[in-house]
Amino acid sequence: MSPRRPSVNEEMRRRSQERLLLATVELVEEHGYEATKLGDIADRAGAARGLVSYYFPGKRQLLQSATHRLMHQELAAALERDPREICGRERLARAIDCVLGLASRHPVLMRAHMAGILQEEGFVQCPEQQRLAALLRDSVAGWGSPDPESDYRMLRALLMGAVFAQLLPGAPMPSSLLRAELFQRFGLEWFRGVPPGGEPPGGTPLFRGGQR
């Protein structure tokens, strides 16, 4: 039997990692972070248990990569709807709505993710996070930012704060109010993206700058 080509091996590694990332999301959402063991993740993914440690330094890094992959996939899907009709303002609105919506669609996962970021190892800049960052940076650039890198970092910080505020035990903030603040910060019309029902809190958000 001839050895497999490098491209075949690479594809097999990619699929193994994707199964592990998907299994992590599923199990954390089902049982919580603490109750999810690396062996359980490997079993759900149909992978050898040693592969988990081979691909990821630990469970916290695995969780961050898995969450960033989910965020990247959902954001990409949101931005790809009717791509010919999407302008820079609509693209940024969809990005904001998608990330805010993750807190309501995946509260257990996002709470564990945010808690992990505040741990000693902090923010993991893995390939999955870099793909997510590229989409957010492109959205800011398409919106018309004169400094996409700085505005991307500000957007990232504001979105992380908004997700945390939605998930704060005992004192969560309404997503519609957080959305209104973010849309006002970037001068976006309320009707863009995926607006919730009803009028914006406090009336129509103000606009800043010209149309993009």
Protein backbone atom coordinates (compact mmCIF):
# COMPACT_ATOMS: atom_id res chain seq x y z
CA MET A 1 0.00 0.00 0.00
CA SER A 2 1.46 3.35 -1.02
CA PRO A 3 1.70 6.06 1.64
CA ARG A 4 -0.98 8.74 1.73
CA ARG A 5 -0.23 12.02 0.06
CA PRO A 6 0.49 15.00 2.38
CA SER A 7 -2.71 16.69 1.21
CA VAL A 8 -4.74 13.66 2.28
CA ASN A 9 -3.10 13.63 5.70
CA GLU A 10 -3.76 17.33 6.10
CA GLU A 11 -7.41 16.88 5.22
CA MET A 12 -7.73 14.05 7.75
CA ARG A 13 -6.17 16.24 10.44
CA ARG A 14 -8.54 19.10 9.58
CA ARG A 15 -11.57 16.85 9.83
CA SER A 16 -10.40 15.38 13.13
CA GLN A 17 -9.99 18.84 14.60
CA GLU A 18 -13.40 19.93 13.33
CA ARG A 19 -15.06 16.90 14.93
CA LEU A 20 -13.38 17.70 18.22
CA LEU A 21 -14.45 21.35 18.06
CA LEU A 22 -18.04 20.41 17.26
CA ALA A 23 -18.12 17.81 20.03
CA THR A 24 -16.85 20.43 22.49
CA VAL A 25 -19.69 22.80 21.63
CA GLU A 26 -22.28 20.06 21.93
CA LEU A 27 -21.07 18.69 25.25
CA VAL A 28 -20.48 22.04 26.95
CA GLU A 29 -23.99 23.13 25.96
CA GLU A 30 -25.44 19.85 27.24
CA HIS A 31 -23.50 19.46 30.49
CA GLY A 32 -21.59 22.68 31.19
CA TYR A 33 -17.86 23.32 31.07
CA GLU A 34 -16.80 21.73 34.37
CA ALA A 35 -18.72 18.50 33.75
CA THR A 36 -17.29 18.10 30.24
CA LYS A 37 -14.14 15.96 30.19
CA LEU A 38 -11.57 15.70 27.43
CA GLY A 39 -12.23 11.98 27.18
CA ASP A 40 -15.93 12.66 26.65
CA ILE A 41 -15.09 15.07 23.85
CA ALA A 42 -12.86 12.53 22.15
CA ASP A 43 -15.53 9.84 22.46
CA ARG A 44 -18.24 12.11 21.01
CA ALA A 45 -15.92 13.04 18.13
CA GLY A 46 -15.00 9.41 17.47
CA ALA A 47 -11.33 10.24 17.92
CA ALA A 48 -8.48 8.75 19.90
CA ARG A 49 -8.17 10.49 23.26
CA GLY A 50 -4.54 11.32 22.62
CA LEU A 51 -5.54 13.47 19.64
CA VAL A 52 -7.17 16.04 21.89
CA SER A 53 -3.90 16.78 23.69
CA TYR A 54 -2.01 16.57 20.41
CA TYR A 55 -4.07 19.32 18.77
CA PHE A 56 -4.91 21.51 21.79
CA PRO A 57 -2.86 22.45 24.89
CA GLY A 58 -5.83 22.01 27.22
CA LYS A 59 -9.58 22.08 27.67
CA ARG A 60 -9.77 25.86 28.05
CA GLN A 61 -7.94 26.42 24.74
CA LEU A 62 -10.13 23.79 23.10
CA LEU A 63 -13.26 25.57 24.30
CA GLN A 64 -12.10 28.94 23.00
CA SER A 65 -11.24 27.48 19.60
CA ALA A 66 -14.58 25.67 19.45
CA THR A 67 -16.50 28.82 20.38
CA HIS A 68 -14.58 30.98 17.91
CA ARG A 69 -15.31 28.42 15.18
CA LEU A 70 -19.02 28.56 15.94
CA MET A 71 -18.95 32.37 15.97
CA HIS A 72 -17.06 32.46 12.66
CA GLN A 73 -19.50 30.05 11.03
CA GLU A 74 -22.60 31.90 12.19
CA LEU A 75 -21.16 35.29 11.24
CA ALA A 76 -20.11 34.04 7.80
CA ALA A 77 -23.62 32.69 7.22
CA ALA A 78 -25.18 36.01 8.28
CA LEU A 79 -22.94 37.99 5.95
CA GLU A 80 -23.46 35.66 3.00
CA ARG A 81 -27.24 36.12 2.88
CA ASP A 82 -28.09 38.14 -0.26
CA PRO A 83 -24.44 39.18 -0.73
CA ARG A 84 -25.16 41.32 -3.81
CA GLU A 85 -27.54 43.52 -1.85
CA ILE A 86 -25.41 44.03 1.24
CA CYS A 87 -23.75 47.43 1.75
CA GLY A 88 -21.13 48.37 4.31
CA ARG A 89 -23.67 49.59 6.86
CA GLU A 90 -25.81 46.47 6.49
CA ARG A 91 -22.75 44.25 6.81
CA LEU A 92 -21.72 45.83 10.11
CA ALA A 93 -25.29 45.70 11.42
CA ARG A 94 -25.50 41.99 10.63
CA ALA A 95 -22.18 41.38 12.36
CA ILE A 96 -23.35 43.13 15.53
CA ASP A 97 -26.69 41.31 15.53
CA CYS A 98 -25.04 37.95 14.97
CA VAL A 99 -22.64 38.28 17.89
CA LEU A 100 -25.30 39.66 20.23
CA GLY A 101 -27.58 36.80 19.21
CA LEU A 102 -25.01 34.22 20.21
CA ALA A 103 -25.63 35.04 23.86
CA SER A 104 -29.31 34.12 23.55
CA ARG A 105 -28.81 31.13 21.23
CA HIS A 106 -25.87 29.60 23.12
CA PRO A 107 -25.92 31.02 26.68
CA VAL A 108 -24.15 28.12 28.40
CA LEU A 109 -21.37 28.01 25.84
CA MET A 110 -20.87 31.79 25.69
CA ARG A 111 -20.86 32.12 29.49
CA ALA A 112 -18.14 29.47 29.72
CA HIS A 113 -16.23 31.16 26.90
CA MET A 114 -16.33 34.58 28.56
CA ALA A 115 -15.29 33.08 31.90
CA GLY A 116 -12.32 31.43 30.21
CA ILE A 117 -11.15 34.70 28.70
CA LEU A 118 -10.96 36.17 32.21
CA GLN A 119 -8.77 33.30 33.43
CA GLU A 120 -4.99 33.53 33.68
CA GLU A 121 -4.35 32.15 30.19
CA GLY A 122 -6.61 34.86 28.78
CA PHE A 123 -7.54 35.35 25.17
CA VAL A 124 -6.41 32.60 22.76
CA GLN A 125 -5.56 33.88 19.29
CA CYS A 126 -6.04 30.56 17.51
CA PRO A 127 -6.71 30.10 13.76
CA GLU A 128 -10.46 30.02 14.44
CA GLN A 129 -10.26 33.36 16.26
CA GLN A 130 -8.24 34.82 13.39
CA ARG A 131 -10.94 33.82 10.90
CA LEU A 132 -13.57 35.48 13.07
CA ALA A 133 -11.40 38.58 13.42
CA ALA A 134 -10.95 38.82 9.65
CA LEU A 135 -14.72 38.91 9.12
CA LEU A 136 -15.23 41.58 11.78
CA ARG A 137 -12.31 43.64 10.45
CA ASP A 138 -13.67 43.43 6.91
CA SER A 139 -17.09 44.51 8.17
CA VAL A 140 -15.59 47.59 9.83
CA ALA A 141 -13.59 48.39 6.70
CA GLY A 142 -16.68 48.04 4.50
CA TRP A 143 -18.57 50.36 6.86
CA GLY A 144 -16.04 53.02 5.89
CA SER A 145 -13.66 53.16 8.82
CA PRO A 146 -10.59 55.35 8.25
CA ASP A 147 -8.68 53.09 10.65
CA PRO A 148 -10.11 49.55 10.36
CA GLU A 149 -7.66 47.99 12.82
CA SER A 150 -8.44 50.42 15.64
CA ASP A 151 -12.17 50.33 14.96
CA TYR A 152 -12.09 46.53 14.82
CA ARG A 153 -10.49 46.39 18.25
CA MET A 154 -13.09 48.82 19.59
CA LEU A 155 -15.91 46.77 18.03
CA ARG A 156 -14.49 43.58 19.51
CA ALA A 157 -14.27 45.15 22.97
CA LEU A 158 -17.81 46.53 22.77
CA LEU A 159 -19.24 43.22 21.57
CA MET A 160 -17.47 41.27 24.30
CA GLY A 161 -18.83 43.69 26.88
CA ALA A 162 -22.33 43.43 25.44
CA VAL A 163 -22.27 39.63 25.48
CA PHE A 164 -21.04 39.67 29.07
CA ALA A 165 -23.80 42.13 30.02
CA GLN A 166 -26.47 39.86 28.55
CA LEU A 167 -25.17 36.86 30.48
CA LEU A 168 -24.48 38.50 33.83
CA PRO A 169 -26.21 36.27 36.43
CA GLY A 170 -28.88 38.13 38.34
CA ALA A 171 -28.57 41.39 36.42
CA PRO A 172 -28.66 40.72 32.65
CA MET A 173 -29.17 43.68 30.32
CA PRO A 174 -31.74 43.49 27.49
CA SER A 175 -30.17 42.78 24.13
CA SER A 176 -32.33 45.46 22.48
CA LEU A 177 -30.82 48.15 24.71
CA LEU A 178 -27.28 46.95 24.04
CA ARG A 179 -28.05 46.83 20.32
CA ALA A 180 -29.33 50.42 20.39
CA GLU A 181 -26.11 51.62 22.04
CA LEU A 182 -23.92 49.80 19.53
CA PHE A 183 -25.95 50.99 16.56
CA GLN A 184 -25.77 54.57 17.82
CA ARG A 185 -22.01 54.24 18.36
CA PHE A 186 -21.54 53.25 14.71
CA GLY A 187 -24.34 55.38 13.27
CA LEU A 188 -26.44 52.48 12.01
CA GLU A 189 -30.15 52.62 11.26
CA TRP A 190 -32.32 50.47 13.53
CA PHE A 191 -33.96 48.63 10.63
CA ARG A 192 -30.67 47.15 9.42
CA GLY A 193 -29.46 43.68 10.30
CA VAL A 194 -31.98 41.60 12.21
CA PRO A 195 -33.89 44.11 14.36
CA PRO A 196 -36.04 42.89 17.24
CA GLY A 197 -39.74 43.69 17.19
CA GLY A 198 -40.95 47.12 18.25
CA GLU A 199 -39.29 50.50 18.33
CA PRO A 200 -35.70 51.05 19.47
CA PRO A 201 -35.31 51.83 23.19
CA GLY A 202 -35.46 55.57 23.75
CA GLY A 203 -36.47 56.30 20.17
CA THR A 204 -34.54 56.15 16.91
CA PRO A 205 -30.75 56.04 17.36
CA LEU A 206 -28.81 59.08 16.23
CA PHE A 207 -26.57 58.91 13.18
CA ARG A 208 -22.94 59.85 13.01
CA GLY A 209 -21.23 60.66 9.75
CA GLY A 210 -22.49 60.21 6.23
CA GLN A 211 -24.14 57.27 4.56
CA ARG A 212 -21.91 54.31 3.78
